[in-house]
Every structure is written in C-alpha cells, then in structure tokens.
C-alpha cells in the first residue's frame, strides 16, 4: 500500500477507503434490515393482536346476537303454542 491511500476511521478501526465504504454499506444495509424487521415485528405484534381482539369481539357480538335471536324464537314459539 502506498502512502496516498486514504483511510477512513470506521468503528475505531483504520481501513482503506474501499474496505471502509464496503463495510459502511454492509452496516447500512444491515441496519436497514434490522430496522425493517423491527418495524415488521411491531406491526405484527400491535396490528395482529388488535386484529385478534377485533375478531374476538366480533365473534362475541355475533354469538350474543344469535343467542338473543334463539331466546326470542324460543319464547315466541312457546307463546304461540300456549
């Protein structure tokens, strides 16, 4: 290596420019990948958990509607026979 090679201090290590830029790009892509994974994880945890709550509430509401309809039919049929 000649003395004209420029160095970049990256993570407290002196590297030639090419290796420093390559390492920087790898670190940058790794950081983006990790942040995208973190955002996806947060999205899954928050949205899908809320979605499960929504489906559970919807199922409970539909069950209550069906139960009230069955009770209504039961009592209306019972009154019709008496």
N, C-alpha and C. Protein backbone atom coordinates (compact mmCIF):
# COMPACT_ATOMS: atom_id res chain seq x y z
N UNK A 1 0.85 -1.18 0.00
CA UNK A 1 0.00 0.00 0.00
C UNK A 1 0.89 1.23 0.00
N UNK A 2 0.54 2.18 -0.84
CA UNK A 2 1.33 3.41 -0.85
C UNK A 2 0.77 4.39 0.17
N UNK A 3 1.48 5.45 0.38
CA UNK A 3 1.09 6.41 1.41
C UNK A 3 -0.06 7.30 0.97
N UNK A 4 -0.42 7.23 -0.33
CA UNK A 4 -1.50 8.08 -0.82
C UNK A 4 -2.89 7.48 -0.54
N UNK A 5 -2.91 6.23 -0.08
CA UNK A 5 -4.20 5.60 0.21
C UNK A 5 -4.85 6.32 1.38
N UNK A 6 -6.08 6.74 1.16
CA UNK A 6 -6.80 7.45 2.21
C UNK A 6 -7.42 6.44 3.16
N UNK A 7 -7.50 6.82 4.40
CA UNK A 7 -8.09 5.95 5.41
C UNK A 7 -9.34 6.57 5.97
N UNK A 8 -10.27 5.73 6.31
CA UNK A 8 -11.49 6.18 6.98
C UNK A 8 -11.53 5.47 8.33
N UNK A 9 -11.76 6.23 9.34
CA UNK A 9 -11.88 5.63 10.67
C UNK A 9 -13.33 5.19 10.84
N UNK A 10 -13.53 3.90 10.87
CA UNK A 10 -14.88 3.35 10.98
C UNK A 10 -14.87 2.35 12.12
N UNK A 11 -15.68 2.62 13.10
CA UNK A 11 -15.79 1.77 14.30
C UNK A 11 -14.43 1.63 14.97
N UNK A 12 -13.71 2.74 15.06
CA UNK A 12 -12.41 2.83 15.72
C UNK A 12 -11.37 1.93 15.06
N UNK A 13 -11.54 1.64 13.79
CA UNK A 13 -10.55 0.85 13.06
C UNK A 13 -10.17 1.61 11.81
N UNK A 14 -8.89 1.61 11.49
CA UNK A 14 -8.45 2.28 10.26
C UNK A 14 -8.47 1.27 9.13
N UNK A 15 -9.19 1.62 8.08
CA UNK A 15 -9.30 0.75 6.92
C UNK A 15 -9.05 1.57 5.68
N UNK A 16 -8.63 0.93 4.61
CA UNK A 16 -8.57 1.66 3.34
C UNK A 16 -9.97 2.09 2.92
N UNK A 17 -10.04 3.06 2.02
CA UNK A 17 -11.32 3.67 1.64
C UNK A 17 -12.29 2.63 1.10
N UNK A 18 -11.80 1.76 0.21
CA UNK A 18 -12.70 0.76 -0.39
C UNK A 18 -13.30 -0.13 0.68
N UNK A 19 -12.46 -0.66 1.55
CA UNK A 19 -12.97 -1.55 2.58
C UNK A 19 -13.87 -0.79 3.55
N UNK A 20 -13.52 0.45 3.83
CA UNK A 20 -14.35 1.25 4.73
C UNK A 20 -15.72 1.51 4.14
N UNK A 21 -15.77 1.85 2.85
CA UNK A 21 -17.06 2.12 2.19
C UNK A 21 -17.87 0.83 2.11
N UNK A 22 -17.20 -0.27 1.77
CA UNK A 22 -17.91 -1.55 1.70
C UNK A 22 -18.47 -1.93 3.07
N UNK A 23 -17.65 -1.78 4.08
CA UNK A 23 -18.11 -2.09 5.43
C UNK A 23 -19.24 -1.16 5.84
N UNK A 24 -19.12 0.12 5.47
CA UNK A 24 -20.17 1.08 5.78
C UNK A 24 -21.48 0.70 5.10
N UNK A 25 -21.39 0.30 3.81
CA UNK A 25 -22.61 -0.10 3.09
C UNK A 25 -23.21 -1.35 3.69
N UNK A 26 -22.35 -2.31 4.05
CA UNK A 26 -22.87 -3.54 4.68
C UNK A 26 -23.55 -3.20 5.99
N UNK A 27 -22.90 -2.34 6.78
CA UNK A 27 -23.50 -1.94 8.05
C UNK A 27 -24.80 -1.19 7.82
N UNK A 28 -24.82 -0.34 6.77
CA UNK A 28 -26.03 0.43 6.46
C UNK A 28 -27.17 -0.50 6.06
N UNK A 29 -26.88 -1.47 5.18
CA UNK A 29 -27.92 -2.42 4.77
C UNK A 29 -28.36 -3.28 5.95
N UNK A 30 -27.41 -3.68 6.78
CA UNK A 30 -27.74 -4.47 7.96
C UNK A 30 -28.63 -3.67 8.90
N UNK A 31 -28.30 -2.40 9.06
CA UNK A 31 -29.11 -1.53 9.92
C UNK A 31 -30.52 -1.38 9.36
N UNK A 32 -30.61 -1.19 8.03
CA UNK A 32 -31.94 -1.08 7.42
C UNK A 32 -32.72 -2.38 7.55
N UNK A 33 -32.03 -3.50 7.38
CA UNK A 33 -32.69 -4.81 7.51
C UNK A 33 -33.20 -5.01 8.93
N UNK A 34 -32.35 -4.66 9.91
CA UNK A 34 -32.76 -4.81 11.31
C UNK A 34 -33.92 -3.88 11.63
N UNK A 35 -33.84 -2.63 11.14
CA UNK A 35 -34.93 -1.69 11.44
C UNK A 35 -36.21 -2.12 10.73
N UNK A 36 -36.10 -2.64 9.50
CA UNK A 36 -37.30 -3.13 8.81
C UNK A 36 -37.89 -4.33 9.55
N UNK A 37 -37.03 -5.22 10.03
CA UNK A 37 -37.52 -6.35 10.81
C UNK A 37 -38.18 -5.91 12.10
N UNK A 38 -37.61 -4.89 12.73
CA UNK A 38 -38.19 -4.37 13.97
C UNK A 38 -39.56 -3.75 13.70
N UNK A 39 -39.66 -2.97 12.62
CA UNK A 39 -40.94 -2.35 12.25
C UNK A 39 -41.97 -3.43 11.92
N UNK A 40 -41.53 -4.47 11.19
CA UNK A 40 -42.44 -5.56 10.86
C UNK A 40 -42.90 -6.29 12.12
N UNK A 41 -41.97 -6.48 13.07
CA UNK A 41 -42.32 -7.13 14.34
C UNK A 41 -43.33 -6.30 15.11
N UNK A 42 -43.09 -4.98 15.19
CA UNK A 42 -44.02 -4.09 15.89
C UNK A 42 -45.39 -4.13 15.20
N UNK A 43 -45.37 -4.10 13.85
CA UNK A 43 -46.61 -4.16 13.08
C UNK A 43 -47.37 -5.44 13.40
N UNK A 44 -46.65 -6.57 13.39
CA UNK A 44 -47.30 -7.85 13.67
C UNK A 44 -47.85 -7.89 15.08
N UNK A 45 -47.04 -7.44 16.03
CA UNK A 45 -47.47 -7.52 17.43
C UNK A 45 -48.68 -6.63 17.67
N UNK A 46 -48.59 -5.37 17.24
CA UNK A 46 -49.67 -4.44 17.55
C UNK A 46 -50.90 -4.69 16.68
N UNK A 47 -50.70 -4.74 15.36
CA UNK A 47 -51.83 -4.83 14.45
C UNK A 47 -52.52 -6.19 14.56
N UNK A 48 -51.74 -7.26 14.54
CA UNK A 48 -52.36 -8.58 14.56
C UNK A 48 -52.99 -8.88 15.91
N UNK A 49 -52.38 -8.37 16.99
CA UNK A 49 -53.01 -8.57 18.29
C UNK A 49 -54.33 -7.81 18.33
N UNK A 50 -54.32 -6.57 17.82
CA UNK A 50 -55.57 -5.80 17.77
C UNK A 50 -56.56 -6.46 16.83
N UNK A 51 -56.05 -7.05 15.76
CA UNK A 51 -56.92 -7.76 14.82
C UNK A 51 -57.55 -8.97 15.50
N UNK A 52 -56.77 -9.68 16.32
CA UNK A 52 -57.34 -10.82 17.06
C UNK A 52 -58.39 -10.34 18.05
N UNK A 53 -58.11 -9.19 18.72
CA UNK A 53 -59.12 -8.64 19.62
C UNK A 53 -60.38 -8.27 18.84
N UNK A 54 -60.20 -7.71 17.66
CA UNK A 54 -61.34 -7.33 16.83
C UNK A 54 -62.15 -8.56 16.44
N UNK A 55 -61.46 -9.64 16.02
CA UNK A 55 -62.17 -10.86 15.66
C UNK A 55 -62.85 -11.48 16.87
N UNK A 56 -62.18 -11.43 18.02
CA UNK A 56 -62.79 -11.99 19.23
C UNK A 56 -64.04 -11.20 19.61
N UNK A 57 -63.95 -9.87 19.54
CA UNK A 57 -65.12 -9.04 19.85
C UNK A 57 -66.23 -9.27 18.84
N UNK A 58 -65.85 -9.41 17.56
CA UNK A 58 -66.86 -9.68 16.53
C UNK A 58 -67.54 -11.02 16.77
N UNK A 59 -66.75 -12.03 17.12
CA UNK A 59 -67.33 -13.35 17.40
C UNK A 59 -68.24 -13.29 18.62
N UNK A 60 -67.82 -12.55 19.64
CA UNK A 60 -68.66 -12.43 20.84
C UNK A 60 -69.96 -11.70 20.50
N UNK A 61 -69.87 -10.64 19.69
CA UNK A 61 -71.06 -9.89 19.30
C UNK A 61 -72.02 -10.76 18.49
N UNK A 62 -71.46 -11.51 17.53
CA UNK A 62 -72.29 -12.39 16.71
C UNK A 62 -72.93 -13.48 17.57
N UNK A 63 -72.15 -14.01 18.52
CA UNK A 63 -72.70 -15.04 19.43
C UNK A 63 -73.84 -14.48 20.26
N UNK A 64 -73.66 -13.26 20.77
CA UNK A 64 -74.74 -12.64 21.54
C UNK A 64 -75.97 -12.39 20.68
N UNK A 65 -75.76 -11.96 19.44
CA UNK A 65 -76.89 -11.75 18.54
C UNK A 65 -77.63 -13.06 18.28
N UNK A 66 -76.88 -14.13 18.01
CA UNK A 66 -77.51 -15.44 17.77
C UNK A 66 -78.22 -15.94 19.02
N UNK A 67 -77.59 -15.75 20.18
CA UNK A 67 -78.22 -16.18 21.42
C UNK A 67 -79.52 -15.42 21.68
N UNK A 68 -79.49 -14.11 21.46
CA UNK A 68 -80.71 -13.33 21.67
C UNK A 68 -81.79 -13.72 20.67
N UNK A 69 -81.38 -14.03 19.45
CA UNK A 69 -82.35 -14.48 18.43
C UNK A 69 -82.95 -15.83 18.82
N UNK A 70 -82.11 -16.74 19.32
CA UNK A 70 -82.61 -18.05 19.76
C UNK A 70 -83.57 -17.90 20.94
N UNK A 71 -83.21 -17.05 21.89
CA UNK A 71 -84.09 -16.82 23.04
C UNK A 71 -85.41 -16.21 22.58
N UNK A 72 -85.33 -15.25 21.67
CA UNK A 72 -86.54 -14.62 21.14
C UNK A 72 -87.42 -15.65 20.43
N UNK A 73 -86.82 -16.48 19.58
CA UNK A 73 -87.59 -17.51 18.88
C UNK A 73 -88.17 -18.53 19.85
N UNK A 74 -87.39 -18.89 20.85
CA UNK A 74 -87.87 -19.86 21.84
C UNK A 74 -89.10 -19.33 22.57
N UNK A 75 -89.02 -18.08 23.02
CA UNK A 75 -90.16 -17.53 23.75
C UNK A 75 -91.33 -17.23 22.83
N UNK A 76 -91.08 -16.83 21.59
CA UNK A 76 -92.19 -16.55 20.68
C UNK A 76 -92.89 -17.86 20.29
N UNK A 77 -92.13 -18.93 20.08
CA UNK A 77 -92.73 -20.23 19.78
C UNK A 77 -93.47 -20.78 20.99
N UNK A 78 -92.94 -20.54 22.16
CA UNK A 78 -93.58 -21.03 23.38
C UNK A 78 -94.91 -20.32 23.61
N UNK A 79 -94.93 -19.03 23.32
CA UNK A 79 -96.19 -18.29 23.47
C UNK A 79 -97.19 -18.70 22.40
N UNK A 80 -96.70 -19.09 21.23
CA UNK A 80 -97.60 -19.47 20.15
C UNK A 80 -98.32 -20.78 20.46
N UNK A 81 -97.64 -21.69 21.17
CA UNK A 81 -98.26 -22.98 21.48
C UNK A 81 -99.21 -22.91 22.67
N UNK A 82 -99.11 -21.88 23.50
CA UNK A 82 -99.98 -21.81 24.69
C UNK A 82 -101.16 -20.92 24.45
